Each structure stands twice: as structure tokens, then as C-alpha cells.
Amino acid sequence: MAHISKATIADIGELNKLINSAYRGETSKKGWTSEADLLSGIRIDEEGLKNIINRESTIILKYSEDKKITASVLLEKRDEALYIGMLTVSPELQGRGVGKELLKTAEAYAKQLRCNKIEMTVISVRHELIAWYERHGYKDTGKRKRFPAEFLKFEISTTPLEFMIMQKNL
């Protein structure tokens, strides 16, 4: 049976493996949300996850099945908005509604925090992922954000990368 709960420091190792396997490298290509054709290297490391979990305004929700973390999402309160990042589903489980369930849980959490909107950044060339978010009520704000310089060293795409800012009003 699946269970969604707040991740803790004890979950960092398992989260790190999950997130990197879903975003980068050959394993990620088993799913449809891979960034492996755009970026090399790792998505995050254990120190980065520890910093996220220790931030007061941020939590990571984990989706566990049979005591194994199979999905996660980062949630950060930013003024009147909840920022969603690193929505991750194990490549073997993608397409089964797990991401949708985490997204609904994130939206309920935003309402609990009295946020009036949810925001996220998506790499603008990830058309299939953008379409998935649009089907769930998220819209392109028209705003773009420069791709962080520290990640450009991992860029393998011939198309320059930028973030599209998407939003859903609650």
C-alpha cells in the first residue's frame, strides 16, 4: 500500500538515488521525464538534499510503497505561493498516476498553508512535461528564467536551456 509522508534526514540516501535515476543517465531513459538528452551529471547530491530538508520553509514529500521510496516532490512556501520542484517518480512507475497523486497532495498542502497559487519552473524545451502540467491546470506565465550557470557545465543540448515559469491559481 502506498503512503505519502514528509521525508527526513534518514531518507536522504534513498531520495538521492531515486531523483538522480529519474532525471539523468541511462536509467532515466526508461521513463518519459528524463533530462538525460539535455544534461549530463547528477541532478542533486546528498548535501543538497540535506540543505533542502533543513530549510524551514521547505519540505520534501515522499511516496513509499512497501517501505521503499518510489516518488517525491519538493515543496517550498514563497510568500503567497507554494513552489513545486523536483517532482520525481521512479522511471519504472511513470504513467501509473503516482505523479498526479503527489501533485494533488502538493495542492492540498498549498491550501493548508493558505497559498493562493502554485509555481514551478520547467525547462522550456520539455514539451511533453509541459503538456502534462497543462493538463493538470498549470499555465505558462510567459516569464522565463535564465538556466543557472552552475548547471550549464552539464549541458549537452544544442538548444540553449531556460526555465519556463508555470503557475496554477488555487
Protein backbone atom coordinates (compact mmCIF):
# COMPACT_ATOMS: atom_id res chain seq x y z
CA MET A 1 0.00 0.00 0.00
CA ALA A 2 1.27 3.46 -0.92
CA HIS A 3 1.86 6.14 1.67
CA ILE A 4 2.79 9.84 1.33
CA SER A 5 4.73 11.44 4.19
CA LYS A 6 7.36 14.05 4.94
CA ALA A 7 10.93 12.97 4.15
CA THR A 8 13.56 13.13 6.89
CA ILE A 9 17.34 13.20 7.04
CA ALA A 10 17.25 9.39 7.25
CA ASP A 11 15.72 9.31 3.73
CA ILE A 12 18.48 11.29 2.01
CA GLY A 13 20.41 8.35 0.56
CA GLU A 14 17.32 6.73 -0.92
CA LEU A 15 15.96 10.06 -2.22
CA ASN A 16 19.31 10.88 -3.83
CA LYS A 17 19.34 7.58 -5.76
CA LEU A 18 15.70 7.97 -6.80
CA ILE A 19 15.97 11.58 -8.01
CA ASN A 20 19.16 11.02 -9.98
CA SER A 21 17.85 7.80 -11.53
CA ALA A 22 14.70 9.57 -12.73
CA TYR A 23 16.35 12.68 -14.20
CA ARG A 24 19.77 11.73 -15.54
CA GLY A 25 21.70 8.82 -17.00
CA GLU A 26 20.59 5.69 -18.82
CA THR A 27 18.18 4.57 -16.08
CA SER A 28 16.15 7.76 -16.50
CA LYS A 29 15.50 6.93 -20.16
CA LYS A 30 13.15 4.13 -19.05
CA GLY A 31 10.68 6.87 -18.09
CA TRP A 32 9.26 9.76 -20.07
CA THR A 33 10.50 12.60 -17.81
CA SER A 34 14.25 12.16 -18.35
CA GLU A 35 16.58 15.12 -18.80
CA ALA A 36 19.38 12.79 -20.00
CA ASP A 37 19.28 14.16 -23.56
CA LEU A 38 19.64 17.73 -22.25
CA LEU A 39 22.00 17.49 -19.29
CA SER A 40 24.69 15.15 -18.01
CA GLY A 41 25.99 14.78 -14.47
CA ILE A 42 23.84 14.36 -11.40
CA ARG A 43 20.61 16.23 -10.61
CA ILE A 44 21.36 16.65 -6.90
CA ASP A 45 23.66 15.23 -4.23
CA GLU A 46 23.13 14.19 -0.62
CA GLU A 47 24.47 17.50 0.73
CA GLY A 48 22.00 19.42 -1.44
CA LEU A 49 19.13 17.26 -0.19
CA LYS A 50 20.23 17.76 3.42
CA ASN A 51 20.22 21.53 2.89
CA ILE A 52 16.72 21.38 1.41
CA ILE A 53 15.31 19.24 4.21
CA ASN A 54 16.87 21.53 6.84
CA ARG A 55 15.34 24.72 5.38
CA GLU A 56 12.45 25.96 7.47
CA SER A 57 10.14 26.86 4.56
CA THR A 58 10.76 23.65 2.59
CA ILE A 59 9.69 20.02 2.81
CA ILE A 60 10.10 17.00 0.60
CA LEU A 61 7.16 14.64 0.41
CA LYS A 62 8.00 11.01 -0.23
CA TYR A 63 5.73 8.41 -1.78
CA SER A 64 6.52 4.99 -0.38
CA GLU A 65 5.39 1.53 -1.45
CA ASP A 66 6.39 -1.50 0.58
CA LYS A 67 8.76 0.70 2.64
CA LYS A 68 10.62 1.82 -0.49
CA ILE A 69 10.57 5.46 -1.68
CA THR A 70 9.34 5.44 -5.27
CA ALA A 71 8.45 9.11 -5.78
CA SER A 72 8.98 12.52 -4.19
CA VAL A 73 8.35 16.24 -4.58
CA LEU A 74 9.96 19.35 -3.11
CA LEU A 75 7.58 21.99 -1.72
CA GLU A 76 8.69 25.47 -0.66
CA LYS A 77 6.49 28.27 0.67
CA ARG A 78 7.37 31.55 -1.02
CA ASP A 79 5.17 34.38 0.24
CA GLU A 80 1.64 33.67 -1.08
CA ALA A 81 2.80 30.87 -3.38
CA LEU A 82 3.92 27.28 -2.98
CA TYR A 83 6.85 26.38 -5.22
CA ILE A 84 6.92 22.80 -6.51
CA GLY A 85 10.22 21.33 -7.64
CA MET A 86 11.85 18.00 -8.40
CA LEU A 87 8.61 16.09 -8.86
CA THR A 88 10.15 12.65 -9.22
CA VAL A 89 8.65 9.27 -10.00
CA SER A 90 10.75 6.14 -10.41
CA PRO A 91 11.11 5.55 -14.18
CA GLU A 92 9.54 2.08 -13.80
CA LEU A 93 6.38 3.58 -12.25
CA GLN A 94 5.85 6.56 -14.55
CA GLY A 95 2.48 6.68 -16.28
CA ARG A 96 0.59 4.99 -13.41
CA GLY A 97 -0.81 8.10 -11.69
CA VAL A 98 1.80 8.44 -8.95
CA GLY A 99 2.89 11.89 -10.14
CA LYS A 100 -0.73 13.02 -10.31
CA GLU A 101 -1.29 11.82 -6.74
CA LEU A 102 1.76 13.73 -5.49
CA LEU A 103 0.64 16.83 -7.38
CA LYS A 104 -2.81 16.67 -5.73
CA THR A 105 -1.19 16.24 -2.32
CA ALA A 106 1.03 19.27 -3.01
CA GLU A 107 -2.02 21.33 -3.97
CA ALA A 108 -3.81 20.32 -0.76
CA TYR A 109 -0.70 21.28 1.22
CA ALA A 110 -0.65 24.69 -0.52
CA LYS A 111 -4.24 25.32 0.53
CA GLN A 112 -3.41 24.26 4.08
CA LEU A 113 -0.63 26.91 4.08
CA ARG A 114 -3.13 29.46 2.67
CA CYS A 115 -1.19 29.87 -0.56
CA ASN A 116 -3.22 31.30 -3.41
CA LYS A 117 -1.12 29.82 -6.20
CA ILE A 118 1.44 27.17 -7.05
CA GLU A 119 4.50 27.97 -9.13
CA MET A 120 7.16 25.84 -10.75
CA THR A 121 9.95 26.08 -13.26
CA VAL A 122 10.19 23.64 -16.16
CA ILE A 123 12.94 23.51 -18.78
CA SER A 124 11.21 25.20 -21.71
CA VAL A 125 12.16 22.52 -24.28
CA ARG A 126 10.50 19.72 -22.27
CA HIS A 127 7.28 19.93 -24.28
CA GLU A 128 5.79 16.60 -23.16
CA LEU A 129 6.26 17.51 -19.48
CA ILE A 130 4.84 21.00 -20.01
CA ALA A 131 1.78 19.45 -21.69
CA TRP A 132 1.35 17.11 -18.69
CA TYR A 133 1.33 20.06 -16.28
CA GLU A 134 -1.08 21.96 -18.55
CA ARG A 135 -3.49 19.00 -18.41
CA HIS A 136 -3.41 19.45 -14.62
CA GLY A 137 -4.31 23.15 -14.75
CA TYR A 138 -0.87 24.78 -14.83
CA LYS A 139 -0.30 27.63 -17.26
CA ASP A 140 2.73 29.27 -18.82
CA THR A 141 3.10 32.70 -17.18
CA GLY A 142 5.15 33.97 -20.11
CA LYS A 143 8.06 34.55 -17.73
CA ARG A 144 11.42 32.91 -18.36
CA LYS A 145 14.35 32.43 -16.05
CA ARG A 146 17.97 32.01 -17.08
CA PHE A 147 19.30 28.49 -16.58
CA PRO A 148 21.68 28.53 -13.57
CA ALA A 149 25.32 28.92 -14.61
CA GLU A 150 26.46 26.08 -12.34
CA PHE A 151 24.34 23.63 -14.38
CA LEU A 152 25.48 24.84 -17.81
CA LYS A 153 28.68 22.80 -17.44
CA PHE A 154 26.41 19.71 -17.70
CA GLU A 155 24.51 20.95 -20.75
CA ILE A 156 24.61 18.59 -23.72
CA SER A 157 21.65 20.06 -25.58
CA THR A 158 22.33 22.09 -28.71
CA THR A 159 19.32 24.26 -27.82
CA PRO A 160 20.08 26.87 -25.14
CA LEU A 161 18.23 25.98 -21.94
CA GLU A 162 15.97 28.26 -19.94
CA PHE A 163 13.24 27.78 -17.38
CA MET A 164 9.59 28.46 -18.14
CA ILE A 165 7.65 29.61 -15.10
CA MET A 166 4.31 27.83 -14.80
CA GLN A 167 1.54 28.63 -12.34
CA LYS A 168 -1.80 27.40 -11.11
CA ASN A 169 -4.15 29.61 -9.15
CA LEU A 170 -5.90 27.92 -6.23
